[in-house]
Structure formats: C-alpha cells, structure tokens
Amino acid sequence: MDAGPAEQVETELLRLVAQLYYMDSLGQQEIAELTGVSRPKVSRLLNRARQLGIVRVWVEEFDPRNHQLEEGLCNAFGLNRALVIRTLGRTETESVRNSVGYFAAPFVADWITANTVVGVAGGRTLAGLVQYIQPRTPTPGVSFVQLMGNFGAQVSYCDAVELCRLFAGRFQGPYYTLNSPAVAPDASSCRAFLAHQDVKVIWSLFDAMQLAFVGIGSLEDSSFIERGVVQPAEVSRLLAHGAVGELCGRFFDATGNACDPSYQERVIGIGLEELRNKREVVVVTVGARRAVAIHAALKSGLAKSIVIDEKGAEAVLDLCRSDT
C-alpha cells in the first residue's frame, strides 16, 4: 500500500533535515529556522531518520591492538597470548587504564569458557577490565575464586573480593571469597587461618583452577605498600632480599622466586609455585614503571599471558634486548 501524502511529506522532511545536518553541517537551530519546526523536533527527526535507515552511519574500523608488540612479547617469552592495547600517545595513567580495560574486555571475555574455575586477584587495571567485560557466548558452569586475602574491613573498587564478585555477576556464576587478611601478623596466625575449613575450600579450588587474572606490583608501586599492609621496615627487608615485583601479595626476585621467608610465611593467598604450575595466568597491567617486575614474572613462568598498553610492552621488550 502506497504512503499517503502526509507520510510522503514526513519522509521528505526527514531527508531534508538529515541532509542539512549531516551533509551541510548546519546546526540544529539553523535547521529549525530553515524548516519552520522547533529545535527539539529537529533532534527527534534526526533520531527518527537513523531509526528508519535514511541515515546510515559507517565508520572505518579502528584496530585497538598493536599486533607487532604482541608478537614480540609472545616470541620473547613463549606466551600463550599477548594483548597490547594502543594508547596513541596518551600518558595519563587513569586514562590508559580505562582504555586498556575497554578495548581488551571483548577479547578477554572469549578466553573464559564454560565449566572453568577462574581465579581473580586485585588490581586497578584489572578493575578497569572487569568494568567493561561481558560474555559474548553462553558460558555455563563458570565459577570464580578470590586468590588473595583482604587488605582490611573497607573494600576498595580494585580489591580481589570486589573484582571476584563483579566477574561472577557478569558471567552469572558463583564466586568464593577468601575471608582472611592478605598478610597475617605472624606465622602462627597464618597457620591458624589456613587450618580453617572455609579457607581449605578455597585451596581446593586453587587446585581445580584453569585460568587466573592477576595484577602486578613493584616495590615502588604496590597496593600492599600503598595501603600499609607491608610496612617500611618490611619493604627495606624485601629490597635486601632482591625483591623486584609482587603477585597476589607474594614478592619475588628477578628469577621469579619468593623473597624473604619470614614474610612469605605470613601471606594468605595462592603461592608463586602454584601460579607457575597453572596452564594460564594472565597479568593485567599498564605502564613502564612495572617493566622489571613484568619481565621477571613472564621470564620465570609465573605468568603465561599479558594484557598491557604499548608503553608498558615497549619497556618490557627493551629489557629483553638488554638481556641479549
């Protein structure tokens, strides 16, 4: 059935308004004055033109990944995966974290498959990724487990317990929390926590875990130090033991081995050797400041994959070239 005169006039008005706005670059107020309709109606007509397909938007696709750096990292360390997000010269840390989280999320979502136990640590860049992640295919049977204890009674947006909860919500699966401090006051207190049945359940899930997402810290930039979990005297002792980085509260040296036994025996969380023996551990991080820690974690097999920005990737590869 052909459109009546009124419908034809409405369609022509939609075409006119769309051409004036998109092709002639006129403002909505100018269009209102030319067509004799109100400015709010111009806005509604533009929306309607898009809905009906009178306006079709085509944008040349932006590739957010630096494939050359990804290949370099995989070749240098024998990684399962490397995801390097282009930052186009930006240097503001928070902006880079948001960009890495947004563009990495669709790719990372595909790494989480059905019937998988996924470990989750804390981290600010990891928090940015979790903010945007959504499963693109059904993933039944996925469960999430917290890899490290808590920093205190007040939960931060980037703490492992919060990220574990958000991850589980995105994938509609259960999550398991480690209800303990990240670092006990002494070794005997740590042993008492580890002996609790609820904590033993978490360790059994560590055994079953196939995939883990972790942040990484350094002695200059670690949430454990920033939030007072590790005191200045302990930092000095860790430095004396050669510590260069931190995963899940475990400080390690340039060879990826745990530092300072007296500190390690107080940490409540997955161990470095447990991480090293897992099929897939993904470090999610940004920036060149952690390059030494990242280099050690990748070279020693503590992590098998990485999500990172260009500047961070370049700094890590520079260290590889220094090795040779």
C-alpha atoms as a PDB file:
ATOM      1  CA  MET A   1       0.000   0.000   0.000  1.00  0.00           C
ATOM      2  CA  ASP A   2       1.463   3.344  -1.063  1.00  0.00           C
ATOM      3  CA  ALA A   3       2.148   6.001   1.541  1.00  0.00           C
ATOM      4  CA  GLY A   4      -0.329   8.844   1.703  1.00  0.00           C
ATOM      5  CA  PRO A   5       0.534  12.500   1.138  1.00  0.00           C
ATOM      6  CA  ALA A   6       1.168  13.139   4.851  1.00  0.00           C
ATOM      7  CA  GLU A   7       3.576  10.239   5.129  1.00  0.00           C
ATOM      8  CA  GLN A   8       5.388  11.367   1.987  1.00  0.00           C
ATOM      9  CA  VAL A   9       5.805  14.864   3.382  1.00  0.00           C
ATOM     10  CA  GLU A  10       7.121  13.440   6.667  1.00  0.00           C
ATOM     11  CA  THR A  11       9.657  11.269   4.810  1.00  0.00           C
ATOM     12  CA  GLU A  12      10.849  14.203   2.718  1.00  0.00           C
ATOM     13  CA  LEU A  13      11.192  16.293   5.875  1.00  0.00           C
ATOM     14  CA  LEU A  14      13.316  13.573   7.429  1.00  0.00           C
ATOM     15  CA  ARG A  15      15.553  13.511   4.351  1.00  0.00           C
ATOM     16  CA  LEU A  16      15.843  17.295   4.321  1.00  0.00           C
ATOM     17  CA  VAL A  17      16.734  17.585   7.994  1.00  0.00           C
ATOM     18  CA  ALA A  18      19.261  14.734   7.711  1.00  0.00           C
ATOM     19  CA  GLN A  19      20.952  16.307   4.682  1.00  0.00           C
ATOM     20  CA  LEU A  20      21.185  19.731   6.276  1.00  0.00           C
ATOM     21  CA  TYR A  21      22.679  18.271   9.462  1.00  0.00           C
ATOM     22  CA  TYR A  22      24.982  15.503   8.195  1.00  0.00           C
ATOM     23  CA  MET A  23      25.944  16.735   4.718  1.00  0.00           C
ATOM     24  CA  ASP A  24      25.746  20.524   5.016  1.00  0.00           C
ATOM     25  CA  SER A  25      26.973  20.638   8.657  1.00  0.00           C
ATOM     26  CA  LEU A  26      24.275  23.055   9.808  1.00  0.00           C
ATOM     27  CA  GLY A  27      23.412  23.305  13.476  1.00  0.00           C
ATOM     28  CA  GLN A  28      20.054  22.166  14.793  1.00  0.00           C
ATOM     29  CA  GLN A  29      18.931  25.734  15.474  1.00  0.00           C
ATOM     30  CA  GLU A  30      19.746  26.778  11.874  1.00  0.00           C
ATOM     31  CA  ILE A  31      17.818  23.772  10.576  1.00  0.00           C
ATOM     32  CA  ALA A  32      14.844  24.704  12.758  1.00  0.00           C
ATOM     33  CA  GLU A  33      14.820  28.197  11.274  1.00  0.00           C
ATOM     34  CA  LEU A  34      15.095  26.890   7.690  1.00  0.00           C
ATOM     35  CA  THR A  35      12.376  24.257   8.029  1.00  0.00           C
ATOM     36  CA  GLY A  36       9.989  26.065  10.345  1.00  0.00           C
ATOM     37  CA  VAL A  37       9.955  23.382  13.034  1.00  0.00           C
ATOM     38  CA  SER A  38      11.160  23.642  16.613  1.00  0.00           C
ATOM     39  CA  ARG A  39      14.711  22.749  17.612  1.00  0.00           C
ATOM     40  CA  PRO A  40      13.556  19.819  19.821  1.00  0.00           C
ATOM     41  CA  LYS A  41      11.628  18.454  16.829  1.00  0.00           C
ATOM     42  CA  VAL A  42      14.784  18.654  14.684  1.00  0.00           C
ATOM     43  CA  SER A  43      16.513  16.426  17.252  1.00  0.00           C
ATOM     44  CA  ARG A  44      13.606  13.955  17.173  1.00  0.00           C
ATOM     45  CA  LEU A  45      13.599  13.953  13.347  1.00  0.00           C
ATOM     46  CA  LEU A  46      17.328  13.162  13.267  1.00  0.00           C
ATOM     47  CA  ASN A  47      16.820  10.233  15.624  1.00  0.00           C
ATOM     48  CA  ARG A  48      13.901   9.034  13.506  1.00  0.00           C
ATOM     49  CA  ALA A  49      15.985   9.285  10.331  1.00  0.00           C
ATOM     50  CA  ARG A  50      18.602   6.992  11.866  1.00  0.00           C
ATOM     51  CA  GLN A  51      15.950   4.513  13.025  1.00  0.00           C
ATOM     52  CA  LEU A  52      14.403   4.287   9.535  1.00  0.00           C
ATOM     53  CA  GLY A  53      17.751   3.913   7.775  1.00  0.00           C
ATOM     54  CA  ILE A  54      17.543   7.250   5.991  1.00  0.00           C
ATOM     55  CA  VAL A  55      20.818   7.962   7.759  1.00  0.00           C
ATOM     56  CA  ARG A  56      23.316   5.109   7.711  1.00  0.00           C
ATOM     57  CA  VAL A  57      26.491   5.612   9.742  1.00  0.00           C
ATOM     58  CA  TRP A  58      29.674   3.918   8.503  1.00  0.00           C
ATOM     59  CA  VAL A  59      32.974   4.330  10.326  1.00  0.00           C
ATOM     60  CA  GLU A  60      36.255   2.806   9.207  1.00  0.00           C
ATOM     61  CA  GLU A  61      37.087   0.266  11.904  1.00  0.00           C
ATOM     62  CA  PHE A  62      39.714   1.200  14.490  1.00  0.00           C
ATOM     63  CA  ASP A  63      42.071  -1.628  15.447  1.00  0.00           C
ATOM     64  CA  PRO A  64      42.864  -1.117  19.153  1.00  0.00           C
ATOM     65  CA  ARG A  65      45.710  -3.662  19.183  1.00  0.00           C
ATOM     66  CA  ASN A  66      49.420  -3.337  18.433  1.00  0.00           C
ATOM     67  CA  HIS A  67      49.990  -6.706  16.781  1.00  0.00           C
ATOM     68  CA  GLN A  68      53.724  -6.160  16.285  1.00  0.00           C
ATOM     69  CA  LEU A  69      54.312  -5.714  20.018  1.00  0.00           C
ATOM     70  CA  GLU A  70      52.037  -8.674  20.766  1.00  0.00           C
ATOM     71  CA  GLU A  71      54.131 -10.882  18.505  1.00  0.00           C
ATOM     72  CA  GLY A  72      57.305  -9.542  20.091  1.00  0.00           C
ATOM     73  CA  LEU A  73      56.129 -10.441  23.601  1.00  0.00           C
ATOM     74  CA  CYS A  74      54.935 -13.900  22.583  1.00  0.00           C
ATOM     75  CA  ASN A  75      58.225 -14.650  20.852  1.00  0.00           C
ATOM     76  CA  ALA A  76      60.367 -13.263  23.686  1.00  0.00           C
ATOM     77  CA  PHE A  77      58.654 -15.192  26.475  1.00  0.00           C
ATOM     78  CA  GLY A  78      56.811 -18.059  24.759  1.00  0.00           C
ATOM     79  CA  LEU A  79      53.462 -16.693  25.935  1.00  0.00           C
ATOM     80  CA  ASN A  80      50.048 -18.206  25.308  1.00  0.00           C
ATOM     81  CA  ARG A  81      48.603 -14.795  24.496  1.00  0.00           C
ATOM     82  CA  ALA A  82      49.594 -11.141  24.477  1.00  0.00           C
ATOM     83  CA  LEU A  83      47.111  -8.319  24.146  1.00  0.00           C
ATOM     84  CA  VAL A  84      48.748  -4.901  23.654  1.00  0.00           C
ATOM     85  CA  ILE A  85      46.306  -2.003  23.513  1.00  0.00           C
ATOM     86  CA  ARG A  86      47.250   1.077  21.505  1.00  0.00           C
ATOM     87  CA  THR A  87      47.216   4.293  23.529  1.00  0.00           C
ATOM     88  CA  LEU A  88      48.019   6.811  20.762  1.00  0.00           C
ATOM     89  CA  GLY A  89      50.499   8.808  22.796  1.00  0.00           C
ATOM     90  CA  ARG A  90      48.367   9.207  25.934  1.00  0.00           C
ATOM     91  CA  THR A  91      50.343   9.204  29.183  1.00  0.00           C
ATOM     92  CA  GLU A  92      47.743   9.812  31.915  1.00  0.00           C
ATOM     93  CA  THR A  93      47.690   6.557  33.898  1.00  0.00           C
ATOM     94  CA  GLU A  94      43.966   6.550  34.645  1.00  0.00           C
ATOM     95  CA  SER A  95      43.073   7.235  31.014  1.00  0.00           C
ATOM     96  CA  VAL A  96      45.388   4.453  29.846  1.00  0.00           C
ATOM     97  CA  ARG A  97      43.866   2.020  32.373  1.00  0.00           C
ATOM     98  CA  ASN A  98      40.364   2.844  31.159  1.00  0.00           C
ATOM     99  CA  SER A  99      41.381   2.447  27.533  1.00  0.00           C
ATOM    100  CA  VAL A 100      43.090  -0.900  28.132  1.00  0.00           C
ATOM    101  CA  GLY A 101      40.081  -2.162  30.085  1.00  0.00           C
ATOM    102  CA  TYR A 102      37.553  -1.061  27.467  1.00  0.00           C
ATOM    103  CA  PHE A 103      39.334  -2.386  24.384  1.00  0.00           C
ATOM    104  CA  ALA A 104      40.714  -5.563  25.970  1.00  0.00           C
ATOM    105  CA  ALA A 105      37.404  -6.666  27.516  1.00  0.00           C
ATOM    106  CA  PRO A 106      35.793  -8.249  24.395  1.00  0.00           C
ATOM    107  CA  PHE A 107      38.920 -10.287  23.641  1.00  0.00           C
ATOM    108  CA  VAL A 108      39.430 -11.397  27.235  1.00  0.00           C
ATOM    109  CA  ALA A 109      35.768 -12.406  27.547  1.00  0.00           C
ATOM    110  CA  ASP A 110      36.384 -15.067  24.905  1.00  0.00           C
ATOM    111  CA  TRP A 111      39.196 -16.572  26.996  1.00  0.00           C
ATOM    112  CA  ILE A 112      36.669 -17.574  29.682  1.00  0.00           C
ATOM    113  CA  THR A 113      34.959 -20.772  28.570  1.00  0.00           C
ATOM    114  CA  ALA A 114      32.256 -22.972  30.060  1.00  0.00           C
ATOM    115  CA  ASN A 115      32.930 -25.132  33.113  1.00  0.00           C
ATOM    116  CA  THR A 116      36.057 -23.230  34.144  1.00  0.00           C
ATOM    117  CA  VAL A 117      37.319 -22.238  37.583  1.00  0.00           C
ATOM    118  CA  VAL A 118      38.710 -18.704  37.265  1.00  0.00           C
ATOM    119  CA  GLY A 119      41.000 -17.145  39.865  1.00  0.00           C
ATOM    120  CA  VAL A 120      40.809 -13.401  40.467  1.00  0.00           C
ATOM    121  CA  ALA A 121      43.332 -11.165  42.235  1.00  0.00           C
ATOM    122  CA  GLY A 122      43.195  -7.420  42.820  1.00  0.00           C
ATOM    123  CA  GLY A 123      44.482  -4.588  40.665  1.00  0.00           C
ATOM    124  CA  ARG A 124      43.481  -1.189  39.301  1.00  0.00           C
ATOM    125  CA  THR A 125      43.914  -2.091  35.638  1.00  0.00           C
ATOM    126  CA  LEU A 126      42.135  -5.403  36.206  1.00  0.00           C
ATOM    127  CA  ALA A 127      39.278  -3.411  37.769  1.00  0.00           C
ATOM    128  CA  GLY A 128      39.027  -1.378  34.553  1.00  0.00           C
ATOM    129  CA  LEU A 129      38.765  -4.551  32.512  1.00  0.00           C
ATOM    130  CA  VAL A 130      36.101  -6.113  34.744  1.00  0.00           C
ATOM    131  CA  GLN A 131      34.082  -2.898  34.449  1.00  0.00           C
ATOM    132  CA  TYR A 132      33.581  -3.488  30.720  1.00  0.00           C
ATOM    133  CA  ILE A 133      33.705  -7.258  30.340  1.00  0.00           C
ATOM    134  CA  GLN A 134      30.635  -9.143  29.106  1.00  0.00           C
ATOM    135  CA  PRO A 135      30.424 -12.726  27.827  1.00  0.00           C
ATOM    136  CA  ARG A 136      29.736 -12.844  24.090  1.00  0.00           C
ATOM    137  CA  THR A 137      28.647 -16.504  24.108  1.00  0.00           C
ATOM    138  CA  PRO A 138      26.915 -18.622  26.779  1.00  0.00           C
ATOM    139  CA  THR A 139      29.401 -19.765  29.446  1.00  0.00           C
ATOM    140  CA  PRO A 140      27.604 -22.129  31.833  1.00  0.00           C
ATOM    141  CA  GLY A 141      29.443 -23.635  34.765  1.00  0.00           C
ATOM    142  CA  VAL A 142      31.988 -20.843  35.266  1.00  0.00           C
ATOM    143  CA  SER A 143      32.943 -20.119  38.876  1.00  0.00           C
ATOM    144  CA  PHE A 144      35.304 -17.543  40.358  1.00  0.00           C
ATOM    145  CA  VAL A 145      37.633 -17.755  43.344  1.00  0.00           C
ATOM    146  CA  GLN A 146      39.466 -14.997  45.202  1.00  0.00           C
ATOM    147  CA  LEU A 147      43.224 -15.561  45.002  1.00  0.00           C
ATOM    148  CA  MET A 148      44.403 -13.439  47.925  1.00  0.00           C
ATOM    149  CA  GLY A 149      43.191 -12.209  51.287  1.00  0.00           C
ATOM    150  CA  ASN A 150      41.764  -8.784  52.051  1.00  0.00           C
ATOM    151  CA  PHE A 151      43.505  -5.505  52.817  1.00  0.00           C
ATOM    152  CA  GLY A 152      41.113  -4.554  55.591  1.00  0.00           C
ATOM    153  CA  ALA A 153      37.488  -4.073  56.607  1.00  0.00           C
ATOM    154  CA  GLN A 154      36.882  -1.380  53.974  1.00  0.00           C
ATOM    155  CA  VAL A 155      36.632  -2.827  50.464  1.00  0.00           C
ATOM    156  CA  SER A 156      38.100  -0.853  47.561  1.00  0.00           C
ATOM    157  CA  TYR A 157      36.857  -0.974  43.965  1.00  0.00           C
ATOM    158  CA  CYS A 158      40.055  -2.787  42.939  1.00  0.00           C
ATOM    159  CA  ASP A 159      40.258  -5.375  45.731  1.00  0.00           C
ATOM    160  CA  ALA A 160      40.205  -9.056  44.835  1.00  0.00           C
ATOM    161  CA  VAL A 161      36.979  -9.726  46.730  1.00  0.00           C
ATOM    162  CA  GLU A 162      35.139  -6.978  44.812  1.00  0.00           C
ATOM    163  CA  LEU A 163      36.530  -7.942  41.407  1.00  0.00           C
ATOM    164  CA  CYS A 164      35.660 -11.579  42.050  1.00  0.00           C
ATOM    165  CA  ARG A 165      32.081 -10.564  42.826  1.00  0.00           C
ATOM    166  CA  LEU A 166      31.790  -8.388  39.707  1.00  0.00           C
ATOM    167  CA  PHE A 167      33.317 -11.040  37.449  1.00  0.00           C
ATOM    168  CA  ALA A 168      30.851 -13.616  38.741  1.00  0.00           C
ATOM    169  CA  GLY A 169      27.956 -11.238  38.168  1.00  0.00           C
ATOM    170  CA  ARG A 170      28.970 -10.661  34.559  1.00  0.00           C
ATOM    171  CA  PHE A 171      29.164 -14.400  33.857  1.00  0.00           C
ATOM    172  CA  GLN A 172      26.258 -15.372  36.131  1.00  0.00           C
ATOM    173  CA  GLY A 173      28.336 -17.842  38.093  1.00  0.00           C
ATOM    174  CA  PRO A 174      29.136 -18.428  41.781  1.00  0.00           C
ATOM    175  CA  TYR A 175      32.126 -16.887  43.485  1.00  0.00           C
ATOM    176  CA  TYR A 176      34.151 -17.939  46.504  1.00  0.00           C
ATOM    177  CA  THR A 177      35.772 -15.469  48.869  1.00  0.00           C
ATOM    178  CA  LEU A 178      38.903 -15.821  50.957  1.00  0.00           C
ATOM    179  CA  ASN A 179      37.744 -14.430  54.301  1.00  0.00           C
ATOM    180  CA  SER A 180      41.103 -13.578  55.794  1.00  0.00           C
ATOM    181  CA  PRO A 181      43.647 -10.770  55.836  1.00  0.00           C
ATOM    182  CA  ALA A 182      46.111 -10.666  52.959  1.00  0.00           C
ATOM    183  CA  VAL A 183      49.004 -10.785  55.427  1.00  0.00           C
ATOM    184  CA  ALA A 184      48.677 -12.232  58.946  1.00  0.00           C
ATOM    185  CA  PRO A 185      50.503 -10.565  61.861  1.00  0.00           C
ATOM    186  CA  ASP A 186      52.716 -13.642  62.373  1.00  0.00           C
ATOM    187  CA  ALA A 187      53.324 -17.154  61.079  1.00  0.00           C
ATOM    188  CA  SER A 188      51.239 -18.891  63.749  1.00  0.00           C
ATOM    189  CA  SER A 189      48.219 -16.688  62.957  1.00  0.00           C
ATOM    190  CA  CYS A 190      48.665 -17.505  59.270  1.00  0.00           C
ATOM    191  CA  ARG A 191      48.687 -21.232  60.020  1.00  0.00           C
ATOM    192  CA  ALA A 192      45.509 -20.839  62.076  1.00  0.00           C
ATOM    193  CA  PHE A 193      43.715 -19.167  59.148  1.00  0.00           C
ATOM    194  CA  LEU A 194      44.939 -21.820  56.719  1.00  0.00           C
ATOM    195  CA  ALA A 195      43.640 -24.561  59.009  1.00  0.00           C
ATOM    196  CA  HIS A 196      40.068 -23.200  58.881  1.00  0.00           C
ATOM    197  CA  GLN A 197      37.671 -25.330  56.841  1.00  0.00           C
ATOM    198  CA  ASP A 198      36.374 -22.371  54.789  1.00  0.00           C
ATOM    199  CA  VAL A 199      39.918 -21.484  53.765  1.00  0.00           C
ATOM    200  CA  LYS A 200      40.675 -25.106  52.873  1.00  0.00           C
ATOM    201  CA  VAL A 201      37.745 -24.973  50.438  1.00  0.00           C
ATOM    202  CA  ILE A 202      39.455 -22.061  48.672  1.00  0.00           C
ATOM    203  CA  TRP A 203      42.705 -24.028  48.380  1.00  0.00           C
ATOM    204  CA  SER A 204      40.839 -26.947  46.825  1.00  0.00           C
ATOM    205  CA  LEU A 205      39.519 -24.512  44.214  1.00  0.00           C
ATOM    206  CA  PHE A 206      43.082 -23.310  43.589  1.00  0.00           C
ATOM    207  CA  ASP A 207      43.908 -26.911  42.687  1.00  0.00           C
ATOM    208  CA  ALA A 208      40.990 -27.030  40.213  1.00  0.00           C
ATOM    209  CA  MET A 209      41.624 -23.580  38.726  1.00  0.00           C
ATOM    210  CA  GLN A 210      42.418 -23.439  34.996  1.00  0.00           C
ATOM    211  CA  LEU A 211      42.637 -19.665  34.462  1.00  0.00           C
ATOM    212  CA  ALA A 212      43.709 -16.744  36.654  1.00  0.00           C
ATOM    213  CA  PHE A 213      43.717 -12.967  36.260  1.00  0.00           C
ATOM    214  CA  VAL A 214      46.242 -11.063  38.355  1.00  0.00           C
ATOM    215  CA  GLY A 215      47.625  -7.582  38.752  1.00  0.00           C
ATOM    216  CA  ILE A 216      51.325  -6.994  39.347  1.00  0.00           C
ATOM    217  CA  GLY A 217      53.109  -4.621  41.681  1.00  0.00           C
ATOM    218  CA  SER A 218      56.633  -3.361  42.216  1.00  0.00           C
ATOM    219  CA  LEU A 219      58.439  -2.083  45.272  1.00  0.00           C
ATOM    220  CA  GLU A 220      57.752   1.451  44.010  1.00  0.00           C
ATOM    221  CA  ASP A 221      54.086   0.888  43.165  1.00  0.00           C
ATOM    222  CA  SER A 222      52.195  -1.837  45.027  1.00  0.00           C
ATOM    223  CA  SER A 223      48.792  -1.704  46.700  1.00  0.00           C
ATOM    224  CA  PHE A 224      50.264  -3.740  49.562  1.00  0.00           C
ATOM    225  CA  ILE A 225      52.700  -0.927  50.296  1.00  0.00           C
ATOM    226  CA  GLU A 226      50.347   1.929  49.374  1.00  0.00           C
ATOM    227  CA  ARG A 227      47.659   0.718  51.786  1.00  0.00           C
ATOM    228  CA  GLY A 228      50.004  -0.064  54.650  1.00  0.00           C
ATOM    229  CA  VAL A 229      49.723  -3.852  54.553  1.00  0.00           C
ATOM    230  CA  VAL A 230      53.509  -4.014  54.176  1.00  0.00           C
ATOM    231  CA  GLN A 231      55.378  -1.614  56.459  1.00  0.00           C
ATOM    232  CA  PRO A 232      58.510   0.422  55.527  1.00  0.00           C
ATOM    233  CA  ALA A 233      60.798  -1.869  57.544  1.00  0.00           C
ATOM    234  CA  GLU A 234      59.454  -4.860  55.628  1.00  0.00           C
ATOM    235  CA  VAL A 235      59.976  -3.040  52.323  1.00  0.00           C
ATOM    236  CA  SER A 236      63.635  -2.493  53.228  1.00  0.00           C
ATOM    237  CA  ARG A 237      63.997  -6.170  54.107  1.00  0.00           C
ATOM    238  CA  LEU A 238      62.324  -7.264  50.862  1.00  0.00           C
ATOM    239  CA  LEU A 239      64.652  -4.997  48.868  1.00  0.00           C
ATOM    240  CA  ALA A 240      67.607  -6.532  50.658  1.00  0.00           C
ATOM    241  CA  HIS A 241      66.343  -9.951  49.557  1.00  0.00           C
ATOM    242  CA  GLY A 242      66.266  -8.771  45.928  1.00  0.00           C
ATOM    243  CA  ALA A 243      62.519  -8.262  45.511  1.00  0.00           C
ATOM    244  CA  VAL A 244      61.512  -6.702  42.183  1.00  0.00           C
ATOM    245  CA  GLY A 245      57.782  -7.447  41.966  1.00  0.00           C
ATOM    246  CA  GLU A 246      54.627  -8.726  43.637  1.00  0.00           C
ATOM    247  CA  LEU A 247      51.855 -11.083  42.573  1.00  0.00           C
ATOM    248  CA  CYS A 248      48.909 -11.814  44.890  1.00  0.00           C
ATOM    249  CA  GLY A 249      50.890 -10.407  47.813  1.00  0.00           C
ATOM    250  CA  ARG A 250      53.919 -12.609  47.133  1.00  0.00           C
ATOM    251  CA  PHE A 251      57.091 -10.607  46.484  1.00  0.00           C
ATOM    252  CA  PHE A 252      59.562 -12.213  44.075  1.00  0.00           C
ATOM    253  CA  ASP A 253      63.077 -11.573  42.784  1.00  0.00           C
ATOM    254  CA  ALA A 254      64.426 -11.239  39.235  1.00  0.00           C
ATOM    255  CA  THR A 255      64.339 -15.019  38.793  1.00  0.00           C
ATOM    256  CA  GLY A 256      60.694 -15.264  39.892  1.00  0.00           C
ATOM    257  CA  ASN A 257      61.451 -16.854  43.255  1.00  0.00           C
ATOM    258  CA  ALA A 258      59.812 -15.830  46.524  1.00  0.00           C
ATOM    259  CA  CYS A 259      61.696 -13.317  48.698  1.00  0.00           C
ATOM    260  CA  ASP A 260      62.146 -13.176  52.459  1.00  0.00           C
ATOM    261  CA  PRO A 261      60.811 -16.432  54.011  1.00  0.00           C
ATOM    262  CA  SER A 262      59.735 -14.648  57.208  1.00  0.00           C
ATOM    263  CA  TYR A 263      57.369 -12.505  55.141  1.00  0.00           C
ATOM    264  CA  GLN A 264      56.157 -15.310  52.881  1.00  0.00           C
ATOM    265  CA  GLU A 265      55.035 -17.453  55.808  1.00  0.00           C
ATOM    266  CA  ARG A 266      52.560 -14.717  56.790  1.00  0.00           C
ATOM    267  CA  VAL A 267      50.878 -14.282  53.379  1.00  0.00           C
ATOM    268  CA  ILE A 268      47.404 -15.773  52.926  1.00  0.00           C
ATOM    269  CA  GLY A 269      46.831 -16.373  49.243  1.00  0.00           C
ATOM    270  CA  ILE A 270      47.880 -18.538  46.353  1.00  0.00           C
ATOM    271  CA  GLY A 271      51.604 -19.302  46.226  1.00  0.00           C
ATOM    272  CA  LEU A 272      54.029 -18.443  43.464  1.00  0.00           C
ATOM    273  CA  GLU A 273      54.742 -22.091  42.639  1.00  0.00           C
ATOM    274  CA  GLU A 274      51.004 -22.771  42.401  1.00  0.00           C
ATOM    275  CA  LEU A 275      50.725 -19.918  39.906  1.00  0.00           C
ATOM    276  CA  ARG A 276      53.769 -21.124  37.983  1.00  0.00           C
ATOM    277  CA  ASN A 277      52.211 -24.578  37.604  1.00  0.00           C
ATOM    278  CA  LYS A 278      48.929 -23.280  36.192  1.00  0.00           C
ATOM    279  CA  ARG A 279      48.164 -23.539  32.490  1.00  0.00           C
ATOM    280  CA  GLU A 280      47.027 -19.903  32.166  1.00  0.00           C
ATOM    281  CA  VAL A 281      47.827 -16.928  34.371  1.00  0.00           C
ATOM    282  CA  VAL A 282      47.105 -13.535  32.793  1.00  0.00           C
ATOM    283  CA  VAL A 283      48.826 -10.382  34.054  1.00  0.00           C
ATOM    284  CA  VAL A 284      46.696  -7.269  33.503  1.00  0.00           C
ATOM    285  CA  THR A 285      48.692  -4.066  33.899  1.00  0.00           C
ATOM    286  CA  VAL A 286      49.784  -0.755  32.356  1.00  0.00           C
ATOM    287  CA  GLY A 287      52.827   1.472  32.318  1.00  0.00           C
ATOM    288  CA  ALA A 288      56.569   1.220  32.032  1.00  0.00           C
ATOM    289  CA  ARG A 289      57.201   1.585  35.777  1.00  0.00           C
ATOM    290  CA  ARG A 290      56.469  -2.099  36.383  1.00  0.00           C
ATOM    291  CA  ALA A 291      58.588  -3.327  33.471  1.00  0.00           C
ATOM    292  CA  VAL A 292      61.215  -5.037  35.661  1.00  0.00           C
ATOM    293  CA  ALA A 293      58.537  -6.872  37.648  1.00  0.00           C
ATOM    294  CA  ILE A 294      56.642  -7.885  34.486  1.00  0.00           C
ATOM    295  CA  HIS A 295      59.834  -9.052  32.798  1.00  0.00           C
ATOM    296  CA  ALA A 296      60.701 -11.270  35.776  1.00  0.00           C
ATOM    297  CA  ALA A 297      57.158 -12.702  36.037  1.00  0.00           C
ATOM    298  CA  LEU A 298      56.987 -13.570  32.327  1.00  0.00           C
ATOM    299  CA  LYS A 299      60.544 -14.868  32.024  1.00  0.00           C
ATOM    300  CA  SER A 300      60.186 -17.143  35.050  1.00  0.00           C
ATOM    301  CA  GLY A 301      56.803 -18.552  34.007  1.00  0.00           C
ATOM    302  CA  LEU A 302      54.799 -17.012  36.845  1.00  0.00           C
ATOM    303  CA  ALA A 303      52.511 -15.577  34.148  1.00  0.00           C
ATOM    304  CA  LYS A 304      51.712 -17.109  30.770  1.00  0.00           C
ATOM    305  CA  SER A 305      49.797 -14.252  29.119  1.00  0.00           C
ATOM    306  CA  ILE A 306      49.591 -10.487  29.394  1.00  0.00           C
ATOM    307  CA  VAL A 307      47.203  -7.588  28.812  1.00  0.00           C
ATOM    308  CA  ILE A 308      49.122  -4.310  28.681  1.00  0.00           C
ATOM    309  CA  ASP A 309      49.456  -0.916  26.994  1.00  0.00           C
ATOM    310  CA  GLU A 310      52.002  -0.017  24.312  1.00  0.00           C
ATOM    311  CA  LYS A 311      54.398   1.904  26.577  1.00  0.00           C
ATOM    312  CA  GLY A 312      54.496  -0.943  29.071  1.00  0.00           C
ATOM    313  CA  ALA A 313      55.043  -3.523  26.340  1.00  0.00           C
ATOM    314  CA  GLU A 314      57.863  -1.493  24.792  1.00  0.00           C
ATOM    315  CA  ALA A 315      59.598  -1.147  28.170  1.00  0.00           C
ATOM    316  CA  VAL A 316      59.411  -4.912  28.804  1.00  0.00           C
ATOM    317  CA  LEU A 317      60.807  -5.696  25.344  1.00  0.00           C
ATOM    318  CA  ASP A 318      63.610  -3.178  25.911  1.00  0.00           C
ATOM    319  CA  LEU A 319      64.639  -5.237  28.941  1.00  0.00           C
ATOM    320  CA  CYS A 320      64.629  -8.358  26.754  1.00  0.00           C
ATOM    321  CA  ARG A 321      67.000  -6.671  24.339  1.00  0.00           C
ATOM    322  CA  SER A 322      69.243  -5.691  27.273  1.00  0.00           C
ATOM    323  CA  ASP A 323      69.390  -9.371  28.274  1.00  0.00           C
ATOM    324  CA  THR A 324      70.871 -10.262  24.925  1.00  0.00           C
END
